[in-house]
N, C-alpha and C. Protein backbone atom coordinates (compact mmCIF):
# COMPACT_ATOMS: atom_id res chain seq x y z
N UNK A 1 -169.06 0.73 -66.84
CA UNK A 1 -167.86 0.52 -67.53
C UNK A 1 -166.71 -0.59 -66.55
N UNK A 2 -166.50 -1.82 -67.23
CA UNK A 2 -165.24 -2.30 -66.55
C UNK A 2 -163.89 -2.30 -67.34
N UNK A 3 -162.96 -2.98 -67.21
CA UNK A 3 -161.90 -3.18 -67.74
C UNK A 3 -161.59 -4.59 -68.21
N UNK A 4 -160.89 -5.45 -69.30
CA UNK A 4 -160.39 -6.26 -69.24
C UNK A 4 -159.08 -6.03 -69.40
N UNK A 5 -158.09 -6.33 -68.54
CA UNK A 5 -156.75 -5.88 -68.75
C UNK A 5 -156.77 -4.05 -68.44
N UNK A 6 -156.15 -4.03 -69.79
CA UNK A 6 -156.05 -2.17 -69.99
C UNK A 6 -157.41 -1.66 -70.75
N UNK A 7 -158.11 -2.67 -71.35
CA UNK A 7 -158.82 -2.22 -72.42
C UNK A 7 -160.27 -2.52 -72.18
N UNK A 8 -160.90 -1.33 -72.35
CA UNK A 8 -162.26 -1.13 -71.66
C UNK A 8 -162.91 -1.82 -71.98
N UNK A 9 -164.04 -2.56 -71.76
CA UNK A 9 -164.91 -3.16 -71.78
C UNK A 9 -166.25 -2.49 -71.60
N UNK A 10 -167.19 -2.36 -72.56
CA UNK A 10 -168.43 -1.51 -71.88
C UNK A 10 -169.37 -2.90 -71.58
N UNK A 11 -170.46 -2.36 -70.34
CA UNK A 11 -171.00 -3.19 -70.00
C UNK A 11 -173.02 -2.87 -71.01
N UNK A 12 -172.75 -2.02 -71.47
CA UNK A 12 -173.89 -1.57 -72.15
C UNK A 12 -174.20 -2.20 -73.31
N UNK A 13 -175.34 -2.60 -74.05
CA UNK A 13 -175.29 -2.96 -75.07
C UNK A 13 -174.68 -2.07 -76.17
N UNK A 14 -174.43 -3.14 -77.25
CA UNK A 14 -173.61 -2.60 -78.09
C UNK A 14 -174.42 -1.35 -79.25
N UNK A 15 -173.25 -0.64 -79.24
CA UNK A 15 -174.48 0.82 -79.95
C UNK A 15 -173.33 1.09 -81.45
N UNK A 16 -174.24 0.71 -82.26
CA UNK A 16 -173.77 0.87 -84.15
C UNK A 16 -173.08 2.07 -84.26
N UNK A 17 -172.21 2.09 -85.03
CA UNK A 17 -171.39 3.41 -85.32
C UNK A 17 -170.05 3.54 -84.26
N UNK A 18 -170.39 2.80 -83.31
CA UNK A 18 -168.84 3.50 -81.98
C UNK A 18 -167.91 2.62 -82.83
N UNK A 19 -166.77 3.60 -82.69
CA UNK A 19 -165.42 2.90 -82.86
C UNK A 19 -165.27 1.44 -82.85
N UNK A 20 -164.63 1.26 -81.22
CA UNK A 20 -164.28 -0.16 -80.89
C UNK A 20 -165.14 -0.39 -79.68
N UNK A 21 -165.63 -1.47 -79.67
CA UNK A 21 -166.69 -1.60 -78.89
C UNK A 21 -166.48 -3.47 -78.54
N UNK A 22 -166.96 -4.09 -77.53
CA UNK A 22 -167.21 -5.28 -77.15
C UNK A 22 -168.41 -5.60 -77.21
N UNK A 23 -168.77 -6.67 -78.16
CA UNK A 23 -170.32 -6.96 -77.96
C UNK A 23 -169.81 -9.10 -77.93
N UNK A 24 -170.61 -9.24 -76.59
CA UNK A 24 -170.76 -10.82 -75.90
C UNK A 24 -169.12 -10.97 -76.13
N UNK A 25 -168.26 -10.31 -75.71
CA UNK A 25 -166.77 -10.78 -75.49
C UNK A 25 -166.19 -10.71 -77.06
N UNK A 26 -166.18 -10.04 -78.13
CA UNK A 26 -165.88 -9.93 -79.00
C UNK A 26 -165.59 -8.80 -79.52
N UNK A 27 -164.21 -8.21 -79.70
CA UNK A 27 -164.12 -6.94 -79.96
C UNK A 27 -164.19 -6.25 -81.45
N UNK A 28 -164.82 -5.48 -81.55
CA UNK A 28 -165.32 -5.26 -82.89
C UNK A 28 -164.83 -4.06 -82.91
N UNK A 29 -164.70 -3.51 -84.82
CA UNK A 29 -164.33 -2.10 -84.84
C UNK A 29 -165.51 -1.99 -86.18
N UNK A 30 -166.10 -0.76 -85.75
CA UNK A 30 -167.18 -0.24 -86.91
C UNK A 30 -168.27 -1.68 -87.17
N UNK A 31 -168.83 -2.21 -85.77
CA UNK A 31 -169.37 -3.71 -86.17
C UNK A 31 -169.03 -4.89 -87.19
N UNK A 32 -167.80 -4.75 -87.21
CA UNK A 32 -166.87 -5.74 -87.90
C UNK A 32 -166.09 -6.77 -86.81
N UNK A 33 -165.99 -7.94 -86.44
CA UNK A 33 -165.24 -8.60 -85.46
C UNK A 33 -164.02 -8.40 -85.81
N UNK A 34 -162.82 -8.28 -84.85
CA UNK A 34 -161.80 -8.52 -85.39
C UNK A 34 -161.26 -9.97 -85.66
N UNK A 35 -161.59 -10.61 -85.19
CA UNK A 35 -161.90 -12.00 -85.27
C UNK A 35 -161.95 -12.35 -86.65
N UNK A 36 -162.86 -11.79 -87.17
CA UNK A 36 -163.17 -11.88 -88.67
C UNK A 36 -162.03 -11.72 -89.75
N UNK A 37 -161.35 -10.36 -89.25
CA UNK A 37 -160.64 -9.45 -89.86
C UNK A 37 -159.11 -10.30 -89.81
N UNK A 38 -159.16 -11.05 -88.49
CA UNK A 38 -158.10 -11.88 -88.26
C UNK A 38 -158.25 -13.18 -89.55
N UNK A 39 -159.35 -13.72 -89.73
CA UNK A 39 -159.51 -14.99 -90.17
C UNK A 39 -159.30 -14.68 -91.67
N UNK A 40 -159.62 -13.31 -91.99
CA UNK A 40 -159.72 -12.66 -93.50
C UNK A 40 -158.05 -12.36 -93.99
N UNK A 41 -157.51 -11.63 -93.27
CA UNK A 41 -156.05 -10.98 -93.74
C UNK A 41 -154.82 -11.90 -93.11
N UNK A 42 -154.99 -12.44 -91.84
CA UNK A 42 -153.90 -13.16 -91.06
C UNK A 42 -153.33 -12.18 -90.09
N UNK A 43 -152.53 -12.72 -89.25
CA UNK A 43 -152.28 -11.81 -87.83
C UNK A 43 -150.62 -11.81 -87.86
N UNK A 44 -149.89 -10.82 -87.77
CA UNK A 44 -150.73 -9.67 -86.74
C UNK A 44 -150.94 -8.40 -88.09
N UNK A 45 -152.07 -7.93 -87.71
CA UNK A 45 -152.37 -6.91 -88.54
C UNK A 45 -152.47 -5.36 -87.92
N UNK A 46 -152.75 -4.52 -88.15
CA UNK A 46 -153.38 -3.13 -87.85
C UNK A 46 -155.12 -2.90 -88.60
N UNK A 47 -155.65 -2.68 -87.57
CA UNK A 47 -156.87 -2.12 -87.63
C UNK A 47 -157.49 -0.42 -87.54
N UNK A 48 -157.66 -0.04 -88.48
CA UNK A 48 -157.48 1.36 -87.90
C UNK A 48 -159.61 2.12 -87.97
N UNK A 49 -159.73 2.70 -87.54
CA UNK A 49 -160.96 3.30 -87.72
C UNK A 49 -161.32 4.71 -88.18
N UNK A 50 -162.19 4.67 -89.26
CA UNK A 50 -162.38 6.08 -90.18
C UNK A 50 -163.04 6.93 -88.92
N UNK A 51 -164.12 6.45 -88.33
CA UNK A 51 -165.01 6.83 -87.62
C UNK A 51 -164.20 7.48 -86.42
N UNK A 52 -163.24 6.97 -85.88
CA UNK A 52 -162.70 7.19 -84.64
C UNK A 52 -161.53 8.44 -85.06
N UNK A 53 -161.15 8.34 -86.63
CA UNK A 53 -160.12 9.45 -86.75
C UNK A 53 -161.06 10.27 -87.26
N UNK A 54 -161.99 10.32 -87.79
CA UNK A 54 -162.57 11.75 -88.39
C UNK A 54 -163.34 12.46 -86.88
N UNK A 55 -163.73 11.42 -86.00
CA UNK A 55 -164.30 12.29 -84.90
C UNK A 55 -163.28 13.07 -84.42
N UNK A 56 -161.85 12.56 -84.23
CA UNK A 56 -160.76 13.08 -83.41
C UNK A 56 -160.68 14.53 -83.96
N UNK A 57 -160.34 14.26 -85.60
CA UNK A 57 -160.02 15.24 -86.09
C UNK A 57 -161.00 16.58 -86.30
N UNK A 58 -162.22 16.19 -86.49
CA UNK A 58 -163.27 17.22 -86.55
C UNK A 58 -163.37 17.87 -84.97
N UNK A 59 -163.06 17.31 -83.52
CA UNK A 59 -163.11 17.71 -82.56
C UNK A 59 -162.38 18.57 -82.38
N UNK A 60 -161.09 18.08 -82.61
CA UNK A 60 -159.60 19.23 -82.30
C UNK A 60 -159.64 20.11 -83.34
N UNK A 61 -160.20 20.12 -84.71
CA UNK A 61 -160.40 21.27 -85.62
C UNK A 61 -161.07 22.40 -84.93
N UNK A 62 -162.36 21.85 -84.61
CA UNK A 62 -163.35 22.69 -83.85
C UNK A 62 -163.00 23.53 -82.82
N UNK A 63 -162.01 22.89 -81.84
CA UNK A 63 -161.50 23.28 -80.81
C UNK A 63 -160.56 24.74 -81.22
N UNK A 64 -159.68 24.50 -82.08
CA UNK A 64 -158.65 25.34 -82.49
C UNK A 64 -159.56 26.36 -83.28
N UNK A 65 -160.33 26.06 -84.18
CA UNK A 65 -160.96 27.04 -84.84
C UNK A 65 -161.74 27.77 -83.97
N UNK A 66 -162.38 27.86 -83.01
CA UNK A 66 -162.98 28.52 -82.09
C UNK A 66 -161.89 29.19 -81.31
N UNK A 67 -160.95 29.13 -80.99
CA UNK A 67 -160.54 29.63 -80.24
C UNK A 67 -159.29 30.50 -81.02
N UNK A 68 -159.07 30.53 -82.23
CA UNK A 68 -158.16 31.49 -83.17
C UNK A 68 -158.58 31.80 -84.10
N UNK A 69 -158.58 32.96 -84.53
CA UNK A 69 -158.84 33.25 -85.50
C UNK A 69 -157.64 34.34 -86.56
N UNK A 70 -157.23 34.02 -87.35
CA UNK A 70 -158.35 33.44 -88.51
C UNK A 70 -157.90 31.64 -88.38
N UNK A 71 -158.67 31.34 -88.99
CA UNK A 71 -158.79 29.51 -88.82
C UNK A 71 -156.95 28.96 -88.66
N UNK A 72 -156.51 28.21 -88.13
CA UNK A 72 -155.05 27.66 -88.40
C UNK A 72 -155.24 26.67 -89.26
N UNK A 73 -154.34 26.11 -90.11
CA UNK A 73 -153.79 25.32 -90.55
C UNK A 73 -153.45 23.89 -89.85
N UNK A 74 -154.42 22.86 -89.59
CA UNK A 74 -153.81 21.50 -88.76
C UNK A 74 -153.51 20.74 -89.96
N UNK A 75 -152.30 20.10 -89.27
CA UNK A 75 -151.65 19.24 -90.16
C UNK A 75 -151.06 17.96 -89.39
N UNK A 76 -151.38 17.05 -90.32
CA UNK A 76 -151.34 15.37 -89.46
C UNK A 76 -149.61 14.96 -89.61
N UNK A 77 -149.25 15.17 -88.61
CA UNK A 77 -147.65 14.64 -88.51
C UNK A 77 -147.95 13.15 -89.30
N UNK A 78 -147.26 13.30 -90.92
CA UNK A 78 -147.37 11.83 -91.48
C UNK A 78 -146.37 11.02 -90.49
N UNK A 79 -145.21 11.19 -90.35
CA UNK A 79 -144.19 10.44 -89.87
C UNK A 79 -144.93 9.64 -88.70
N UNK A 80 -146.02 9.92 -87.97
CA UNK A 80 -146.67 9.31 -86.89
C UNK A 80 -147.44 7.86 -87.67
N UNK A 81 -147.82 8.17 -88.65
CA UNK A 81 -148.47 7.13 -89.46
C UNK A 81 -148.78 7.14 -90.96
N UNK A 82 -147.68 6.77 -91.61
CA UNK A 82 -147.95 7.17 -93.15
C UNK A 82 -148.90 5.89 -94.05
N UNK A 83 -149.50 5.50 -93.26
CA UNK A 83 -150.38 4.57 -94.01
C UNK A 83 -151.14 5.16 -94.70
N UNK A 84 -151.45 4.61 -96.68
CA UNK A 84 -152.39 5.81 -97.33
C UNK A 84 -153.46 5.71 -97.26
N UNK A 85 -154.22 4.60 -96.73
CA UNK A 85 -155.67 4.92 -96.45
C UNK A 85 -155.81 5.60 -95.38
N UNK A 86 -154.72 5.82 -94.06
CA UNK A 86 -155.18 6.66 -93.27
C UNK A 86 -154.79 8.38 -93.49
N UNK A 87 -154.14 8.59 -94.39
CA UNK A 87 -153.87 9.74 -95.21
C UNK A 87 -154.77 9.98 -95.68
N UNK A 88 -155.71 9.26 -96.66
CA UNK A 88 -156.74 9.89 -97.57
C UNK A 88 -157.82 9.95 -96.50
N UNK A 89 -158.18 9.30 -95.41
CA UNK A 89 -159.06 9.41 -94.80
C UNK A 89 -159.01 11.03 -94.27
N UNK A 90 -157.59 11.41 -93.75
CA UNK A 90 -157.74 12.50 -92.85
C UNK A 90 -158.03 13.74 -94.20
N UNK A 91 -157.18 13.51 -95.29
CA UNK A 91 -157.47 14.51 -96.50
C UNK A 91 -158.54 14.23 -96.68
N UNK A 92 -159.71 13.60 -96.59
CA UNK A 92 -161.26 13.97 -97.09
C UNK A 92 -161.90 14.66 -95.95
N UNK A 93 -161.44 14.96 -94.52
CA UNK A 93 -162.04 15.84 -93.57
C UNK A 93 -161.25 17.27 -93.86
N UNK A 94 -160.18 17.42 -94.93
CA UNK A 94 -159.33 18.54 -95.07
C UNK A 94 -158.44 19.03 -94.37
N UNK A 95 -157.29 17.98 -94.03
CA UNK A 95 -156.49 18.16 -92.87
C UNK A 95 -155.34 18.32 -94.13
N UNK A 96 -154.15 18.89 -93.35
CA UNK A 96 -152.99 19.12 -93.91
C UNK A 96 -151.84 18.09 -93.32
N UNK A 97 -150.81 18.34 -93.66
CA UNK A 97 -150.05 17.19 -93.90
C UNK A 97 -148.27 17.84 -93.14
N UNK A 98 -147.72 17.45 -92.11
CA UNK A 98 -146.59 18.06 -91.82
C UNK A 98 -145.39 16.43 -92.02
N UNK A 99 -145.06 16.97 -93.07
CA UNK A 99 -143.72 15.68 -93.91
C UNK A 99 -142.21 16.24 -93.40
N UNK A 100 -141.64 15.21 -93.21
CA UNK A 100 -140.18 15.23 -92.76
C UNK A 100 -139.43 14.59 -93.79
N UNK A 101 -139.56 14.22 -95.02
CA UNK A 101 -139.00 13.79 -95.79
C UNK A 101 -139.99 13.72 -97.17
N UNK A 102 -138.74 13.07 -98.73
CA UNK A 102 -139.46 13.20 -99.81
C UNK A 102 -140.64 12.29 -99.87
N UNK A 103 -140.41 11.07 -99.55
CA UNK A 103 -141.25 10.11 -99.38
C UNK A 103 -142.61 10.71 -98.65
N UNK A 104 -142.61 11.12 -97.30
CA UNK A 104 -144.06 11.57 -96.84
C UNK A 104 -144.69 12.86 -97.63
N UNK A 105 -143.47 13.44 -98.70
CA UNK A 105 -144.23 14.44 -99.55
C UNK A 105 -145.06 13.71 -100.78
N UNK A 106 -144.10 12.66 -101.17
CA UNK A 106 -144.72 12.12 -102.06
C UNK A 106 -146.33 11.48 -101.77
N UNK A 107 -146.32 10.83 -100.51
CA UNK A 107 -147.36 9.82 -100.01
C UNK A 107 -148.51 10.81 -99.65
N UNK A 108 -148.00 12.00 -98.75
CA UNK A 108 -149.33 13.02 -98.79
C UNK A 108 -150.01 13.99 -100.27
N UNK A 109 -149.27 14.01 -101.05
CA UNK A 109 -149.79 14.43 -102.52
C UNK A 109 -150.88 13.22 -103.14
N UNK A 110 -150.33 12.10 -102.90
CA UNK A 110 -150.89 11.10 -103.21
C UNK A 110 -152.10 10.83 -102.81
N UNK A 111 -152.36 10.69 -101.44
CA UNK A 111 -153.85 11.02 -100.69
C UNK A 111 -154.59 12.20 -101.11
N UNK A 112 -154.01 13.12 -101.79
CA UNK A 112 -155.16 14.13 -101.75
C UNK A 112 -155.24 15.29 -101.08
N UNK A 113 -154.03 15.03 -100.19
CA UNK A 113 -153.69 16.57 -99.60
C UNK A 113 -153.28 17.67 -100.62
N UNK A 114 -153.78 18.97 -100.39
CA UNK A 114 -153.35 19.87 -101.26
C UNK A 114 -152.00 20.54 -101.05
N UNK A 115 -151.06 20.93 -101.57
CA UNK A 115 -150.07 21.51 -101.51
C UNK A 115 -149.62 22.21 -100.63
N UNK A 116 -150.80 23.61 -100.72
CA UNK A 116 -150.64 24.62 -100.25
C UNK A 116 -150.98 24.00 -98.61
N UNK A 117 -151.45 22.96 -98.41
CA UNK A 117 -151.65 22.28 -97.21
C UNK A 117 -150.89 21.92 -96.64
N UNK A 118 -149.51 21.88 -97.07
CA UNK A 118 -148.13 20.55 -96.72
C UNK A 118 -147.21 21.64 -96.32
N UNK A 119 -146.85 21.38 -94.93
CA UNK A 119 -145.37 22.03 -94.42
C UNK A 119 -144.23 20.81 -94.46
N UNK A 120 -143.49 20.99 -94.57
CA UNK A 120 -141.90 20.40 -94.84
C UNK A 120 -141.09 20.99 -93.74
N UNK A 121 -141.29 19.93 -92.51
CA UNK A 121 -140.05 20.02 -91.31
C UNK A 121 -138.80 19.29 -91.49
N UNK A 122 -138.11 18.94 -90.20
CA UNK A 122 -137.40 17.82 -90.18
C UNK A 122 -135.83 18.48 -90.24
N UNK A 123 -134.49 17.67 -89.89
CA UNK A 123 -133.58 18.20 -90.07
C UNK A 123 -132.90 17.22 -91.20
N UNK A 124 -132.00 17.44 -91.70
CA UNK A 124 -131.36 16.94 -92.85
C UNK A 124 -131.68 16.89 -93.87
N UNK A 125 -132.49 18.00 -94.31
CA UNK A 125 -133.08 18.02 -95.60
C UNK A 125 -132.34 17.78 -97.19
N UNK A 126 -132.60 17.20 -98.26
CA UNK A 126 -131.49 17.04 -99.38
C UNK A 126 -132.04 18.43 -100.14
N UNK A 127 -130.97 18.56 -101.45
CA UNK A 127 -131.42 19.44 -102.26
C UNK A 127 -132.79 18.99 -103.10
N UNK A 128 -132.45 17.53 -103.11
CA UNK A 128 -133.60 17.14 -103.94
C UNK A 128 -135.01 16.80 -103.38
N UNK A 129 -134.89 16.96 -102.27
CA UNK A 129 -136.15 17.13 -101.17
C UNK A 129 -136.89 18.66 -101.40
N UNK A 130 -135.56 19.14 -101.01
CA UNK A 130 -136.18 20.84 -101.16
C UNK A 130 -136.62 21.24 -102.80
N UNK A 131 -136.02 20.86 -103.85
CA UNK A 131 -136.41 20.89 -105.09
C UNK A 131 -137.87 20.65 -105.17
N UNK A 132 -138.23 19.12 -104.75
CA UNK A 132 -139.50 18.58 -104.69
C UNK A 132 -140.81 19.22 -104.41
N UNK A 133 -140.23 19.87 -103.15
CA UNK A 133 -141.46 20.74 -102.29
C UNK A 133 -141.52 22.24 -102.64
N UNK A 134 -140.40 22.92 -103.54
CA UNK A 134 -140.84 24.12 -104.34
C UNK A 134 -141.22 23.79 -105.39
N UNK A 135 -140.92 22.85 -105.93
CA UNK A 135 -141.79 22.58 -107.28
C UNK A 135 -143.47 22.14 -107.38
N UNK A 136 -143.71 21.30 -105.87
CA UNK A 136 -145.04 21.08 -105.81
C UNK A 136 -145.75 22.28 -105.14
N UNK A 137 -145.09 23.18 -104.56
CA UNK A 137 -146.13 24.19 -104.53
C UNK A 137 -146.55 24.71 -102.70
N UNK A 138 -145.79 23.57 -101.88
CA UNK A 138 -146.37 23.34 -100.73
C UNK A 138 -146.01 24.87 -99.96
N UNK A 139 -146.98 24.34 -98.71
CA UNK A 139 -147.20 25.90 -97.85
C UNK A 139 -145.75 26.55 -97.46
N UNK A 140 -144.87 25.69 -97.01
CA UNK A 140 -143.88 26.29 -96.10
C UNK A 140 -143.08 25.30 -95.86
N UNK A 141 -141.60 25.30 -95.83
CA UNK A 141 -140.57 24.50 -95.47
C UNK A 141 -140.40 25.54 -94.16
N UNK A 142 -139.86 24.34 -93.33
CA UNK A 142 -139.46 25.15 -91.60
C UNK A 142 -138.20 24.67 -91.39
N UNK A 143 -137.17 25.84 -91.70
CA UNK A 143 -135.60 25.71 -91.71
C UNK A 143 -135.13 25.40 -90.14
N UNK A 144 -134.34 24.76 -90.18
CA UNK A 144 -133.99 24.43 -88.62
C UNK A 144 -132.43 24.74 -88.26
N UNK A 145 -131.62 25.33 -89.89
CA UNK A 145 -130.25 25.83 -89.09
C UNK A 145 -130.05 26.81 -90.51
N UNK A 146 -128.66 27.62 -90.26
CA UNK A 146 -128.52 28.57 -90.92
C UNK A 146 -128.02 27.77 -92.11
N UNK A 147 -127.22 26.82 -92.45
CA UNK A 147 -126.49 25.97 -93.50
C UNK A 147 -127.96 25.94 -94.16
N UNK A 148 -128.89 25.17 -93.69
CA UNK A 148 -130.05 24.66 -94.41
C UNK A 148 -130.67 26.05 -95.12
N UNK A 149 -130.89 27.04 -94.33
CA UNK A 149 -131.14 28.37 -95.01
C UNK A 149 -130.62 28.77 -96.43
N UNK A 150 -129.55 29.12 -96.08
CA UNK A 150 -128.11 29.11 -97.50
C UNK A 150 -128.27 28.08 -98.46
N UNK A 151 -128.56 26.62 -98.21
CA UNK A 151 -128.90 25.75 -99.22
C UNK A 151 -130.40 25.74 -99.86
N UNK A 152 -131.36 26.30 -99.10
CA UNK A 152 -132.63 26.56 -99.56
C UNK A 152 -132.25 28.09 -100.50
N UNK A 153 -131.88 28.28 -99.95
CA UNK A 153 -131.80 29.90 -100.86
C UNK A 153 -131.19 29.34 -102.18
N UNK A 154 -130.22 29.06 -102.05
CA UNK A 154 -129.59 28.53 -103.00
C UNK A 154 -130.36 27.62 -104.30
N UNK A 155 -131.17 26.62 -103.79
CA UNK A 155 -131.86 25.96 -104.67
C UNK A 155 -133.01 26.58 -105.08
N UNK A 156 -133.96 27.57 -104.41
CA UNK A 156 -134.72 28.44 -104.72
C UNK A 156 -134.56 28.93 -105.81
N UNK A 157 -133.27 30.10 -105.84
CA UNK A 157 -132.86 30.68 -106.83
C UNK A 157 -132.57 29.93 -108.30
N UNK A 158 -131.86 28.69 -107.70
CA UNK A 158 -131.90 28.22 -109.31
C UNK A 158 -133.12 27.44 -110.13
N UNK A 159 -133.66 27.47 -109.39
CA UNK A 159 -135.07 27.09 -109.82
C UNK A 159 -136.26 28.26 -110.09
N UNK A 160 -135.25 29.41 -109.77
CA UNK A 160 -136.42 30.91 -109.97
C UNK A 160 -137.35 31.02 -109.06
N UNK A 161 -137.75 30.26 -108.27
CA UNK A 161 -138.51 30.39 -107.02
C UNK A 161 -138.27 31.34 -105.67
N UNK A 162 -139.32 31.72 -104.98
CA UNK A 162 -138.89 32.32 -103.94
C UNK A 162 -139.81 31.38 -102.95
N UNK A 163 -138.86 30.56 -101.61
CA UNK A 163 -139.05 29.58 -100.99
C UNK A 163 -140.23 30.38 -99.61
N UNK A 164 -141.31 29.88 -99.57
CA UNK A 164 -141.79 30.49 -97.90
C UNK A 164 -141.44 29.58 -96.94
N UNK A 165 -141.07 30.31 -96.02
CA UNK A 165 -140.21 29.24 -94.98
C UNK A 165 -140.50 29.68 -93.61
N UNK A 166 -140.62 28.88 -92.41
CA UNK A 166 -140.58 29.30 -90.95
C UNK A 166 -139.63 28.97 -90.64
N UNK A 167 -138.95 29.60 -89.44
CA UNK A 167 -137.74 29.51 -88.70
C UNK A 167 -138.26 28.71 -87.48
N UNK A 168 -137.32 27.32 -87.60
CA UNK A 168 -137.42 26.70 -85.91
C UNK A 168 -136.41 27.48 -85.04
N UNK A 169 -137.01 27.73 -84.39
CA UNK A 169 -136.38 28.33 -83.19
C UNK A 169 -136.41 27.39 -81.66
N UNK A 170 -134.99 26.99 -81.46
CA UNK A 170 -134.58 26.28 -80.48
C UNK A 170 -134.70 27.11 -79.03
N UNK A 171 -135.81 27.14 -77.92
CA UNK A 171 -135.74 27.81 -76.93
C UNK A 171 -135.10 27.76 -75.50
N UNK A 172 -134.32 26.49 -75.42
CA UNK A 172 -133.71 25.94 -74.78
C UNK A 172 -134.48 26.07 -73.22
N UNK A 173 -135.51 24.98 -73.69
CA UNK A 173 -136.64 25.05 -72.58
C UNK A 173 -136.56 23.26 -72.60
N UNK A 174 -136.06 22.98 -70.75
CA UNK A 174 -135.91 21.30 -70.55
C UNK A 174 -137.59 20.99 -70.14
N UNK A 175 -138.19 20.17 -70.93
CA UNK A 175 -139.41 20.01 -71.37
C UNK A 175 -139.74 18.89 -69.85
N UNK A 176 -138.66 18.18 -69.32
CA UNK A 176 -138.65 17.00 -68.34
C UNK A 176 -138.84 15.87 -69.03
N UNK A 177 -138.64 15.36 -70.58
CA UNK A 177 -139.12 14.26 -70.85
C UNK A 177 -137.63 13.28 -70.83
N UNK A 178 -137.56 12.42 -71.56
CA UNK A 178 -136.45 11.20 -71.46
C UNK A 178 -135.34 11.91 -72.50
N UNK A 179 -134.25 11.75 -72.03
CA UNK A 179 -133.22 13.02 -72.62
C UNK A 179 -132.76 12.19 -74.21
N UNK A 180 -133.62 10.88 -74.51
CA UNK A 180 -133.29 10.43 -75.86
C UNK A 180 -134.27 10.96 -77.07
N UNK A 181 -135.36 11.62 -76.37
CA UNK A 181 -136.29 12.51 -76.74
C UNK A 181 -136.45 13.41 -76.95
N UNK A 182 -135.58 14.68 -76.05
CA UNK A 182 -135.58 15.78 -75.87
C UNK A 182 -135.31 16.65 -77.19
N UNK A 183 -135.77 17.50 -77.44
CA UNK A 183 -135.86 18.44 -78.63
C UNK A 183 -135.96 20.09 -78.41
N UNK A 184 -135.76 20.21 -77.21
CA UNK A 184 -135.82 22.06 -77.24
C UNK A 184 -134.87 22.26 -76.17
N UNK A 185 -133.60 21.64 -75.69
CA UNK A 185 -132.64 22.20 -75.15
C UNK A 185 -131.71 22.80 -76.18
N UNK A 186 -130.83 23.35 -75.49
CA UNK A 186 -129.53 23.96 -76.30
C UNK A 186 -128.54 23.10 -77.07
N UNK A 187 -128.37 21.94 -76.53
CA UNK A 187 -127.18 20.80 -76.73
C UNK A 187 -128.21 19.93 -77.64
N UNK A 188 -129.60 20.24 -78.19
CA UNK A 188 -130.39 19.20 -78.69
C UNK A 188 -129.80 19.67 -80.26
N UNK A 189 -130.17 18.97 -81.27
CA UNK A 189 -129.65 19.21 -82.57
C UNK A 189 -130.99 20.05 -83.56
N UNK A 190 -132.00 20.41 -82.77
CA UNK A 190 -133.21 20.87 -83.49
C UNK A 190 -133.56 22.41 -83.16
N UNK A 191 -133.44 22.92 -84.51
CA UNK A 191 -133.75 24.40 -84.66
C UNK A 191 -132.29 25.09 -84.50
N UNK A 192 -132.85 26.44 -84.30
CA UNK A 192 -131.75 27.77 -84.64
C UNK A 192 -131.90 28.29 -82.57
N UNK A 193 -130.55 28.45 -82.17
CA UNK A 193 -130.88 28.77 -80.91
C UNK A 193 -131.21 30.21 -80.89
N UNK A 194 -131.91 30.28 -79.62
CA UNK A 194 -132.60 31.48 -79.43
C UNK A 194 -131.94 33.06 -79.49
N UNK A 195 -130.89 32.98 -79.08
CA UNK A 195 -130.07 34.37 -79.15
C UNK A 195 -129.85 34.60 -80.36
N UNK A 196 -129.87 33.71 -81.43
CA UNK A 196 -129.30 34.16 -82.98
C UNK A 196 -130.42 34.03 -83.78
N UNK A 197 -131.70 33.83 -83.02
CA UNK A 197 -132.68 33.72 -84.04
C UNK A 197 -132.90 34.92 -85.31
N UNK A 198 -132.97 36.40 -84.38
CA UNK A 198 -133.30 37.15 -85.22
C UNK A 198 -132.23 37.72 -85.81
N UNK A 199 -130.88 37.51 -85.84
CA UNK A 199 -130.02 37.36 -86.78
C UNK A 199 -130.06 36.60 -88.02
N UNK A 200 -130.69 35.42 -87.77
CA UNK A 200 -130.79 34.75 -88.87
C UNK A 200 -131.88 35.24 -89.82
N UNK A 201 -133.25 35.44 -89.14
CA UNK A 201 -134.39 36.33 -89.35
C UNK A 201 -133.68 37.50 -90.64
N UNK A 202 -133.14 38.16 -89.65
CA UNK A 202 -132.37 39.30 -90.79
C UNK A 202 -131.80 38.95 -91.84
N UNK A 203 -131.05 37.85 -91.79
CA UNK A 203 -130.05 37.31 -93.18
C UNK A 203 -130.84 36.53 -94.28
N UNK A 204 -132.26 36.34 -93.53
CA UNK A 204 -133.12 35.37 -94.66
C UNK A 204 -134.08 36.53 -95.36
N UNK A 205 -134.05 37.80 -94.53
CA UNK A 205 -134.76 38.40 -95.27
C UNK A 205 -134.34 39.31 -96.47
N UNK A 206 -133.00 39.18 -96.54
CA UNK A 206 -131.97 39.48 -97.34
C UNK A 206 -131.64 38.63 -98.64
N UNK A 207 -132.52 37.21 -98.69
CA UNK A 207 -132.07 36.42 -99.50
C UNK A 207 -132.97 36.91 -100.69
N UNK A 208 -132.18 36.34 -101.91
CA UNK A 208 -133.09 36.82 -103.00
C UNK A 208 -134.41 35.30 -103.19
N UNK A 209 -133.68 34.04 -103.00
CA UNK A 209 -134.80 32.90 -102.86
C UNK A 209 -135.49 32.39 -101.42
N UNK A 210 -135.51 33.28 -100.25
CA UNK A 210 -136.31 33.32 -99.27
C UNK A 210 -137.64 34.30 -99.14
N UNK A 211 -138.60 33.58 -99.26
CA UNK A 211 -140.08 34.89 -99.09
C UNK A 211 -139.96 35.02 -97.55
């Protein structure tokens, strides 16, 4: 194996079924030359490999399923790539979805991901998004704050639902990342402060609209 720039270039003969390989200097995706795709659709364009996605999902799922019992729900973060074909490919593999907006919820459902395999995360959820999530029957809503918990309780009670929730706790841990992408420190906007988590959990347990 050698490299051209930062891109691996195989010295071995082309192997049919590999995701991305060079064949006589031409980069191919699943046996299709990217130059051919460029001629067909123009540039720039994104090219995804269902072989690569399926392989990676199966590998990851097998690893966590063998390590944990019962087998956990593996959810794809839709915000990382909301391309409908990508979501449909993962749905066919049995993947769940982690969504952070009403639009992502719609896309996940349209892709064929079952509601019971969808979790709704993220800050700033609106009442309309909470309603859509509850009416769809999703697996769980991850609550980021006391204020959100109170709002969700009100929405669920009005709809005669009980909202399945998880509480996101901020552990005040510095992961050493760039300050603009830090999410786990006390000064970050994400999650409930660790010292208050038990009280918030107890409060949630007393709410009629929270499961």
